[in-house]
Amino acid sequence: MSEHANLLKRHRAVMPGWMALNYEAPIEIAGGKGNRVTDAEGNGYLDFFTGILTNMIGYDVPEVREAVERQLATGVVHTSTAYLLRGQVELAEKIARLSGIPDAKVFFTNSGTEANETALLIAAYARRTDEVLAMRGSYHGRSFGAIGVTGNRAWTNLSYSPLRVHFLHGADRHLPQFAGMDDRAYADACVHDLRHVLAAAAGPDVAALIAEPIQGVGGFTMAPDGLFAAYKEVLDEHGILFISDEVQTGWGRTGQGFFGIENHGVRPDMMTFAKGLGNGFAVGGVVARGDLMDGLHALGLSTFGGNPVSMAAANATLDLVLDRGLQANAARQGETIIGGLRAAAERLAIAADVRGKGLMFAVELADPATGEPSPRLAAAVMEATRERGLLVGKGGLYGNVIRMAPPLTLTDAEAAEGLGILTDSLDHVNEAAAS
């Protein structure tokens, strides 16, 4: 038995069966440099999935490595939030300023799941209710409360929740009742539905709407620009708070806004974040109106939230994103790749949709004979891209979407290379599906 096969056997013996691995023959990432990684068997790949949108500016970034090494050299790897943490304060100041939220305050956690739990707690306490609005097709984490507001059955284990949740339309315009509607008509239908939910199903008080500007696990489905502004007008009539889950859409990834919600022209009451901010180091958090953040009466802390090493990495990462204008690069490279994929899709019977903003884009696969969502074809495209030296991800409500989010540092040459591999892989699978 090879060492790789032995590692896979050991993994299956001690890891839970629901912990999915990519590819028929899962790979072990053993090294990385720039926007490329190498597996344990020496195969190199251009990375278009970045550890699920987490290695936001690539691998072995000198500025991040040096910031972490400086912190390690102090001998202080951890102190907890019971002490002043300079890096935590500095990062919070930057995030509060960038958020645009009035009198913003920041609380750091270890992950997006924990950030969303914190935001839901703040909202439920402020509004004195356990009722929450969420979106169909959404994903907000794997914890008890986060699963409750996740509108994707493939990722929910329980039929009960600590919250009473009502799911809204907004990223499901493929449904027959919305067929033929333009953005305006669809948004109007969604707003009418929200009003009906509040009248017919919700109680007299609702804590918040939590929503992803672009649904990550949902396969990068998204509401038309402006829908959440229309939703917020209704929410404000009832005092309902708005939480924007920016775990995947933050830090300029969409190209059009530094936070994904900016595409809707609305300022949320809270935003949650994680993933790319630490460029691989564990960091998450909530930025919210100061009155909401200060509103909790019980004591609180986060043992590992605001960890000095993670803060060093996050500060360096955010500074690099801002100093190098990586939001603009995301917009430019995304336009190239999305445009190329849309052009290719015109000849591909298996490509049901190409969508995205900036360096956050997806291809939806469907059976060419029936038009039904095809997880099988999505798996085939994943295998084809890996064989050609490109790592991508998978998602969607039906598991039929190839989703991609390259590092924001992607170069012109790498964008062209990745697009070439993608179109070649899609052509290959499309030809096989037709035979």
Protein backbone atom coordinates (compact mmCIF):
# COMPACT_ATOMS: atom_id res chain seq x y z
CA MET A 1 0.00 0.00 0.00
CA SER A 2 1.37 3.44 -0.94
CA GLU A 3 1.88 6.09 1.72
CA HIS A 4 -0.93 8.13 0.12
CA ALA A 5 -3.34 5.18 0.21
CA ASN A 6 -2.32 4.46 3.80
CA LEU A 7 -3.06 8.07 4.82
CA LEU A 8 -6.51 7.84 3.24
CA LYS A 9 -7.18 4.59 5.10
CA ARG A 10 -6.09 6.16 8.40
CA HIS A 11 -8.27 9.21 7.70
CA ARG A 12 -11.37 7.06 7.17
CA ALA A 13 -10.66 5.13 10.35
CA VAL A 14 -10.60 8.16 12.67
CA MET A 15 -12.51 10.95 10.89
CA PRO A 16 -16.33 11.09 10.67
CA GLY A 17 -17.89 9.70 7.52
CA TRP A 18 -19.76 12.96 6.85
CA MET A 19 -16.47 14.86 6.51
CA ALA A 20 -16.37 14.95 2.73
CA LEU A 21 -13.17 14.77 0.68
CA ASN A 22 -12.82 16.16 -2.83
CA TYR A 23 -12.08 13.87 -5.77
CA GLU A 24 -12.33 10.13 -6.33
CA ALA A 25 -8.69 9.89 -5.23
CA PRO A 26 -8.38 12.59 -2.53
CA ILE A 27 -5.16 14.59 -2.56
CA GLU A 28 -2.90 15.84 0.24
CA ILE A 29 -1.71 19.43 -0.22
CA ALA A 30 1.95 19.41 0.79
CA GLY A 31 3.24 22.79 -0.38
CA GLY A 32 2.20 26.15 -1.74
CA LYS A 33 3.72 29.25 -3.27
CA GLY A 34 1.91 32.21 -4.77
CA ASN A 35 -1.35 30.99 -6.28
CA ARG A 36 -0.23 27.40 -6.75
CA VAL A 37 -0.06 24.31 -4.57
CA THR A 38 1.71 20.96 -4.81
CA ASP A 39 0.32 17.66 -3.58
CA ALA A 40 2.27 15.01 -1.68
CA GLU A 41 2.91 13.10 -4.89
CA GLY A 42 4.52 16.10 -6.58
CA ASN A 43 1.64 17.23 -8.79
CA GLY A 44 1.23 20.99 -9.16
CA TYR A 45 -2.06 22.89 -9.38
CA LEU A 46 -3.27 26.41 -9.94
CA ASP A 47 -5.67 26.96 -7.05
CA PHE A 48 -9.10 28.37 -7.89
CA PHE A 49 -10.72 27.34 -4.59
CA THR A 50 -8.14 28.59 -2.05
CA GLY A 51 -9.04 26.33 0.87
CA ILE A 52 -12.73 27.26 0.48
CA LEU A 53 -12.12 30.99 -0.15
CA THR A 54 -9.64 31.24 2.73
CA ASN A 55 -6.14 31.63 1.27
CA MET A 56 -7.33 34.93 -0.12
CA ILE A 57 -3.97 36.32 -1.25
CA GLY A 58 -2.24 33.03 -2.00
CA TYR A 59 0.41 30.91 -0.30
CA ASP A 60 3.68 31.77 1.43
CA VAL A 61 3.03 35.50 1.23
CA PRO A 62 6.15 37.27 2.57
CA GLU A 63 4.26 40.09 4.31
CA VAL A 64 1.99 37.68 6.17
CA ARG A 65 4.77 35.24 7.01
CA GLU A 66 7.00 38.01 8.35
CA ALA A 67 4.20 39.51 10.47
CA VAL A 68 3.52 36.10 12.02
CA GLU A 69 7.23 35.47 12.60
CA ARG A 70 7.59 38.83 14.37
CA GLN A 71 4.75 37.90 16.71
CA LEU A 72 6.17 34.44 17.35
CA ALA A 73 9.55 36.00 18.16
CA THR A 74 7.96 37.82 21.11
CA GLY A 75 7.21 34.45 22.69
CA VAL A 76 3.54 35.44 23.06
CA VAL A 77 1.36 33.09 21.03
CA HIS A 78 -1.72 33.52 23.23
CA THR A 79 -3.01 35.65 26.09
CA SER A 80 -6.85 35.67 25.66
CA THR A 81 -9.11 38.71 25.51
CA ALA A 82 -8.71 39.22 29.26
CA TYR A 83 -5.68 41.34 28.36
CA LEU A 84 -5.17 44.25 26.00
CA LEU A 85 -4.20 43.01 22.53
CA ARG A 86 -2.65 45.68 20.36
CA GLY A 87 -3.12 43.78 17.11
CA GLN A 88 -6.77 43.15 17.94
CA VAL A 89 -7.44 46.85 18.55
CA GLU A 90 -5.62 47.86 15.36
CA LEU A 91 -7.54 45.38 13.24
CA ALA A 92 -10.87 46.33 14.83
CA GLU A 93 -10.21 49.99 14.04
CA LYS A 94 -9.63 49.16 10.36
CA ILE A 95 -12.70 46.96 10.08
CA ALA A 96 -14.96 49.44 11.87
CA ARG A 97 -13.82 52.18 9.48
CA LEU A 98 -14.21 50.04 6.37
CA SER A 99 -17.66 48.76 7.39
CA GLY A 100 -19.32 52.17 7.22
CA ILE A 101 -21.57 51.11 10.11
CA PRO A 102 -22.16 54.07 12.46
CA ASP A 103 -20.26 53.88 15.77
CA ALA A 104 -19.18 50.35 14.86
CA LYS A 105 -17.62 47.93 17.31
CA VAL A 106 -15.98 44.58 16.54
CA PHE A 107 -15.90 41.23 18.34
CA PHE A 108 -13.46 38.57 17.11
CA THR A 109 -14.19 34.85 16.97
CA ASN A 110 -12.47 31.82 15.48
CA SER A 111 -14.71 31.11 12.47
CA GLY A 112 -17.65 32.22 10.38
CA THR A 113 -19.93 29.77 12.18
CA GLU A 114 -19.08 31.32 15.54
CA ALA A 115 -19.42 34.82 14.09
CA ASN A 116 -22.94 34.07 12.87
CA GLU A 117 -23.88 32.57 16.24
CA THR A 118 -22.70 35.77 17.91
CA ALA A 119 -24.65 38.00 15.54
CA LEU A 120 -27.82 35.96 16.03
CA LEU A 121 -27.40 36.19 19.81
CA ILE A 122 -26.98 39.96 19.64
CA ALA A 123 -30.07 40.32 17.46
CA ALA A 124 -32.24 37.98 19.52
CA TYR A 125 -31.26 39.78 22.72
CA ALA A 126 -31.80 43.25 21.27
CA ARG A 127 -35.24 42.36 19.94
CA ARG A 128 -36.22 39.96 22.76
CA THR A 129 -37.41 37.28 20.34
CA ASP A 130 -36.25 33.97 18.89
CA GLU A 131 -37.81 34.55 15.45
CA VAL A 132 -35.40 35.04 12.54
CA LEU A 133 -35.70 35.46 8.78
CA ALA A 134 -33.23 33.69 6.50
CA MET A 135 -32.88 32.86 2.81
CA ARG A 136 -33.71 29.70 0.92
CA GLY A 137 -30.55 28.01 -0.29
CA SER A 138 -28.39 29.68 2.35
CA TYR A 139 -25.57 28.30 4.49
CA HIS A 140 -24.37 29.95 7.71
CA GLY A 141 -22.32 27.28 9.51
CA ARG A 142 -22.41 23.88 11.14
CA SER A 143 -23.39 24.75 14.75
CA PHE A 144 -26.84 24.27 16.27
CA GLY A 145 -28.07 27.82 15.76
CA ALA A 146 -26.32 28.33 12.40
CA ILE A 147 -27.86 25.15 11.01
CA GLY A 148 -31.26 26.51 12.04
CA VAL A 149 -30.88 29.47 9.67
CA THR A 150 -29.37 27.38 6.86
CA GLY A 151 -31.83 26.91 4.01
CA ASN A 152 -30.11 23.96 2.36
CA ARG A 153 -31.27 20.50 3.48
CA ALA A 154 -28.00 18.84 2.47
CA TRP A 155 -26.25 20.74 5.29
CA THR A 156 -28.87 20.46 8.05
CA ASN A 157 -29.01 17.54 10.47
CA LEU A 158 -31.96 18.42 12.69
CA SER A 159 -35.54 19.48 12.11
CA TYR A 160 -35.55 21.60 15.26
CA SER A 161 -33.56 24.67 16.23
CA PRO A 162 -33.13 27.15 19.10
CA LEU A 163 -34.63 29.69 16.69
CA ARG A 164 -37.96 29.95 14.90
CA VAL A 165 -36.98 30.58 11.31
CA HIS A 166 -38.91 31.73 8.25
CA PHE A 167 -37.17 31.34 4.87
CA LEU A 168 -37.50 33.94 2.13
CA HIS A 169 -37.13 33.99 -1.65
CA GLY A 170 -34.32 35.94 -3.25
CA ALA A 171 -31.84 33.50 -4.77
CA ASP A 172 -34.26 31.00 -6.32
CA ARG A 173 -35.46 32.67 -9.49
CA HIS A 174 -35.10 29.37 -11.37
CA LEU A 175 -38.42 28.28 -9.85
CA PRO A 176 -41.39 28.11 -12.25
CA GLN A 177 -43.38 30.82 -10.45
CA PHE A 178 -40.66 33.33 -11.32
CA ALA A 179 -40.14 32.25 -14.93
CA GLY A 180 -39.75 35.12 -17.35
CA MET A 181 -39.48 37.80 -14.67
CA ASP A 182 -36.84 40.50 -15.01
CA ASP A 183 -34.88 41.68 -11.96
CA ARG A 184 -37.44 44.31 -11.00
CA ALA A 185 -40.46 42.00 -11.24
CA TYR A 186 -38.66 39.25 -9.31
CA ALA A 187 -37.59 41.67 -6.57
CA ASP A 188 -41.16 42.98 -6.29
CA ALA A 189 -42.46 39.41 -5.95
CA CYS A 190 -39.92 38.70 -3.22
CA VAL A 191 -40.84 41.85 -1.28
CA HIS A 192 -44.55 40.99 -1.47
CA ASP A 193 -43.69 37.54 -0.15
CA LEU A 194 -41.72 39.04 2.75
CA ARG A 195 -44.70 41.16 3.71
CA HIS A 196 -46.92 38.08 3.52
CA VAL A 197 -44.55 36.06 5.73
CA LEU A 198 -44.57 38.83 8.33
CA ALA A 199 -48.36 39.00 8.21
CA ALA A 200 -49.14 35.29 8.06
CA ALA A 201 -46.35 33.30 9.68
CA ALA A 202 -44.13 35.42 11.90
CA GLY A 203 -45.02 36.62 15.36
CA PRO A 204 -45.37 40.28 16.30
CA ASP A 205 -41.60 40.66 16.70
CA VAL A 206 -38.76 39.29 14.56
CA ALA A 207 -35.12 39.64 15.53
CA ALA A 208 -33.31 39.85 12.20
CA LEU A 209 -32.86 38.82 8.62
CA ILE A 210 -29.54 37.05 8.08
CA ALA A 211 -28.45 36.76 4.45
CA GLU A 212 -25.41 36.15 2.28
CA PRO A 213 -25.07 38.73 -0.53
CA ILE A 214 -23.87 35.79 -2.65
CA GLN A 215 -24.69 32.32 -1.37
CA GLY A 216 -21.45 30.39 -1.00
CA VAL A 217 -22.36 26.76 -0.44
CA GLY A 218 -25.50 27.53 -2.44
CA GLY A 219 -23.37 27.64 -5.57
CA PHE A 220 -22.85 31.42 -5.79
CA THR A 221 -26.53 32.07 -6.41
CA MET A 222 -27.46 35.64 -5.56
CA ALA A 223 -30.31 38.07 -5.23
CA PRO A 224 -30.56 40.75 -7.92
CA ASP A 225 -28.78 43.94 -6.92
CA GLY A 226 -31.06 46.14 -4.85
CA LEU A 227 -33.27 43.41 -3.42
CA PHE A 228 -31.81 43.66 0.07
CA ALA A 229 -32.31 47.42 0.03
CA ALA A 230 -35.98 46.77 -0.75
CA TYR A 231 -36.10 44.15 1.99
CA LYS A 232 -34.53 46.56 4.47
CA GLU A 233 -37.25 49.15 3.84
CA VAL A 234 -39.77 46.56 5.05
CA LEU A 235 -37.53 45.43 7.91
CA ASP A 236 -37.13 49.01 9.13
CA GLU A 237 -40.91 49.41 9.29
CA HIS A 238 -40.91 46.66 11.93
CA GLY A 239 -37.59 47.41 13.64
CA ILE A 240 -36.13 44.13 12.35
CA LEU A 241 -32.32 44.06 12.17
CA PHE A 242 -30.31 43.08 9.09
CA ILE A 243 -27.22 40.84 9.34
CA SER A 244 -25.07 40.51 6.22
CA ASP A 245 -23.04 37.29 6.23
CA GLU A 246 -19.82 38.43 4.53
CA VAL A 247 -17.81 35.30 5.37
CA GLN A 248 -17.27 34.60 1.67
CA THR A 249 -18.05 37.95 0.05
CA GLY A 250 -15.93 40.31 2.16
CA TRP A 251 -12.61 42.11 1.55
CA GLY A 252 -13.16 43.08 -2.09
CA ARG A 253 -13.71 39.62 -3.54
CA THR A 254 -16.76 40.62 -5.58
CA GLY A 255 -14.81 43.45 -7.20
CA GLN A 256 -17.80 45.80 -7.16
CA GLY A 257 -17.84 46.43 -3.40
CA PHE A 258 -15.44 45.90 -0.53
CA PHE A 259 -18.28 44.04 1.16
CA GLY A 260 -20.79 42.10 -0.93
CA ILE A 261 -23.80 43.92 0.47
CA GLU A 262 -22.56 47.19 -1.05
CA ASN A 263 -23.92 45.98 -4.40
CA HIS A 264 -27.40 46.43 -2.92
CA GLY A 265 -26.87 50.01 -1.77
CA VAL A 266 -27.74 49.24 1.82
CA ARG A 267 -25.93 49.46 5.15
CA PRO A 268 -26.63 46.47 7.42
CA ASP A 269 -26.87 46.66 11.20
CA MET A 270 -24.28 43.89 11.51
CA MET A 271 -21.82 42.08 9.28
CA THR A 272 -20.10 38.79 9.99
CA PHE A 273 -16.73 37.87 8.52
CA ALA A 274 -14.06 35.14 8.55
CA LYS A 275 -12.21 33.00 5.98
CA GLY A 276 -9.98 35.18 3.80
CA LEU A 277 -9.18 37.85 6.39
CA GLY A 278 -6.51 35.67 8.05
CA ASN A 279 -5.24 34.19 4.75
CA GLY A 280 -5.32 30.75 6.32
CA PHE A 281 -5.05 31.71 10.00
CA ALA A 282 -8.22 31.22 12.04
CA VAL A 283 -10.11 34.47 12.45
CA GLY A 284 -13.75 35.48 12.34
CA GLY A 285 -15.88 38.16 13.84
CA VAL A 286 -18.83 40.52 13.93
CA VAL A 287 -18.86 44.24 13.22
CA ALA A 288 -22.04 45.92 14.41
CA ARG A 289 -23.60 49.13 15.57
CA GLY A 290 -22.11 50.04 18.91
CA ASP A 291 -25.43 50.11 20.71
CA LEU A 292 -26.18 46.56 19.56
CA MET A 293 -22.73 45.25 20.46
CA ASP A 294 -22.80 46.88 23.89
CA GLY A 295 -26.37 45.76 24.53
CA LEU A 296 -25.63 42.29 25.95
CA HIS A 297 -25.80 42.40 29.75
CA ALA A 298 -23.85 39.22 30.57
CA LEU A 299 -20.06 39.03 30.67
CA GLY A 300 -18.36 37.63 27.61
CA LEU A 301 -14.98 36.90 26.11
CA SER A 302 -13.39 34.76 23.42
CA THR A 303 -10.48 32.60 24.53
CA PHE A 304 -8.94 32.35 21.08
CA GLY A 305 -10.77 35.17 19.30
CA GLY A 306 -8.30 37.98 18.65
CA ASN A 307 -5.36 35.62 19.08
CA PRO A 308 -2.10 37.61 18.66
CA VAL A 309 -0.76 35.38 15.88
CA SER A 310 -4.03 35.42 13.93
CA MET A 311 -4.28 39.19 14.40
CA ALA A 312 -0.76 39.64 13.01
CA ALA A 313 -1.70 37.60 9.94
CA ALA A 314 -5.04 39.39 9.48
CA ASN A 315 -3.59 42.87 9.81
CA ALA A 316 -0.92 42.06 7.23
CA THR A 317 -3.48 40.50 4.90
CA LEU A 318 -5.91 43.41 5.07
CA ASP A 319 -3.13 45.95 4.60
CA LEU A 320 -1.94 44.10 1.52
CA VAL A 321 -5.45 43.95 0.05
CA LEU A 322 -5.83 47.70 0.51
CA ASP A 323 -2.31 48.76 -0.48
CA ARG A 324 -2.22 46.69 -3.67
CA GLY A 325 -5.72 47.54 -4.85
CA LEU A 326 -6.75 43.89 -4.94
CA GLN A 327 -10.45 44.72 -5.13
CA ALA A 328 -9.83 46.31 -8.52
CA ASN A 329 -7.79 43.29 -9.58
CA ALA A 330 -10.67 41.01 -8.58
CA ALA A 331 -13.04 43.04 -10.75
CA ARG A 332 -10.69 42.97 -13.75
CA GLN A 333 -9.71 39.30 -13.61
CA GLY A 334 -13.27 38.26 -12.85
CA GLU A 335 -14.56 40.09 -15.90
CA THR A 336 -12.07 38.19 -18.05
CA ILE A 337 -12.89 34.76 -16.64
CA ILE A 338 -16.66 35.15 -16.34
CA GLY A 339 -16.83 36.61 -19.83
CA GLY A 340 -14.80 33.72 -21.19
CA LEU A 341 -16.96 31.14 -19.44
CA ARG A 342 -20.16 32.73 -20.73
CA ALA A 343 -18.81 32.68 -24.25
CA ALA A 344 -17.88 29.00 -23.89
CA ALA A 345 -21.28 28.15 -22.36
CA GLU A 346 -23.01 29.12 -25.60
CA ARG A 347 -21.66 25.94 -27.21
CA LEU A 348 -21.96 23.67 -24.15
CA ALA A 349 -25.17 21.70 -23.71
CA ILE A 350 -24.20 20.84 -20.12
CA ALA A 351 -23.75 24.46 -18.98
CA ALA A 352 -27.07 25.67 -17.57
CA ASP A 353 -25.74 28.93 -16.16
CA VAL A 354 -22.58 30.96 -15.59
CA ARG A 355 -22.77 33.52 -12.79
CA GLY A 356 -20.60 35.51 -10.43
CA LYS A 357 -19.05 38.81 -9.44
CA GLY A 358 -15.33 39.51 -9.42
CA LEU A 359 -13.28 36.51 -8.34
CA MET A 360 -16.33 34.59 -7.17
CA PHE A 361 -17.91 32.71 -10.06
CA ALA A 362 -19.63 29.43 -10.87
CA VAL A 363 -20.82 27.15 -13.66
CA GLU A 364 -24.05 25.23 -13.14
CA LEU A 365 -24.25 21.80 -14.80
CA ALA A 366 -27.41 20.16 -16.12
CA ASP A 367 -28.21 16.96 -17.96
CA PRO A 368 -28.37 17.99 -21.64
CA ALA A 369 -31.21 15.55 -22.31
CA THR A 370 -33.52 16.52 -19.45
CA GLY A 371 -32.28 19.90 -18.24
CA GLU A 372 -32.26 18.56 -14.68
CA PRO A 373 -29.44 19.50 -12.25
CA SER A 374 -26.56 17.03 -12.63
CA PRO A 375 -24.23 16.38 -9.68
CA ARG A 376 -22.64 13.64 -11.79
CA LEU A 377 -21.50 16.11 -14.44
CA ALA A 378 -20.22 18.52 -11.79
CA ALA A 379 -18.12 15.71 -10.31
CA ALA A 380 -16.81 14.89 -13.78
CA VAL A 381 -15.77 18.51 -14.36
CA MET A 382 -13.99 18.57 -11.00
CA GLU A 383 -12.01 15.47 -11.97
CA ALA A 384 -11.23 16.89 -15.40
CA THR A 385 -9.88 20.17 -14.00
CA ARG A 386 -7.74 18.34 -11.41
CA GLU A 387 -6.24 16.14 -14.12
CA ARG A 388 -5.32 19.31 -16.04
CA GLY A 389 -3.78 21.07 -13.03
CA LEU A 390 -6.58 23.23 -11.60
CA LEU A 391 -8.35 22.95 -8.23
CA VAL A 392 -12.01 24.03 -8.08
CA GLY A 393 -14.89 23.50 -5.65
CA LYS A 394 -18.44 22.21 -5.81
CA GLY A 395 -21.73 23.40 -4.34
CA GLY A 396 -25.30 24.31 -5.14
CA LEU A 397 -28.59 23.23 -3.67
CA TYR A 398 -28.43 20.09 -5.82
CA GLY A 399 -24.63 19.64 -5.77
CA ASN A 400 -24.40 20.45 -9.47
CA VAL A 401 -22.38 23.68 -9.44
CA ILE A 402 -18.66 24.19 -9.94
CA ARG A 403 -17.76 27.19 -7.79
CA MET A 404 -14.46 29.03 -7.89
CA ALA A 405 -12.77 31.83 -5.96
CA PRO A 406 -9.11 32.31 -6.95
CA PRO A 407 -6.75 34.41 -4.83
CA LEU A 408 -7.24 38.15 -5.21
CA THR A 409 -3.61 38.29 -6.36
CA LEU A 410 -4.40 36.33 -9.54
CA THR A 411 -2.32 37.54 -12.48
CA ASP A 412 -3.37 38.05 -16.09
CA ALA A 413 -1.41 34.96 -17.11
CA GLU A 414 -2.96 32.83 -14.36
CA ALA A 415 -6.46 34.02 -15.23
CA ALA A 416 -5.89 33.02 -18.85
CA GLU A 417 -4.40 29.67 -17.81
CA GLY A 418 -7.29 28.88 -15.47
CA LEU A 419 -9.89 29.89 -18.02
CA GLY A 420 -8.20 27.67 -20.61
CA ILE A 421 -8.25 24.66 -18.28
CA LEU A 422 -11.87 25.29 -17.36
CA THR A 423 -13.09 25.56 -20.94
CA ASP A 424 -11.06 22.52 -22.00
CA SER A 425 -12.48 20.51 -19.09
CA LEU A 426 -16.04 21.60 -19.85
CA ASP A 427 -15.59 20.75 -23.53
CA HIS A 428 -14.29 17.30 -22.55
CA VAL A 429 -17.22 16.53 -20.24
CA ASN A 430 -19.72 18.03 -22.68
CA GLU A 431 -18.43 15.77 -25.47
CA ALA A 432 -18.57 12.71 -23.22
CA ALA A 433 -22.14 13.56 -22.17
CA ALA A 434 -23.22 13.77 -25.79
CA SER A 435 -21.76 10.40 -26.78
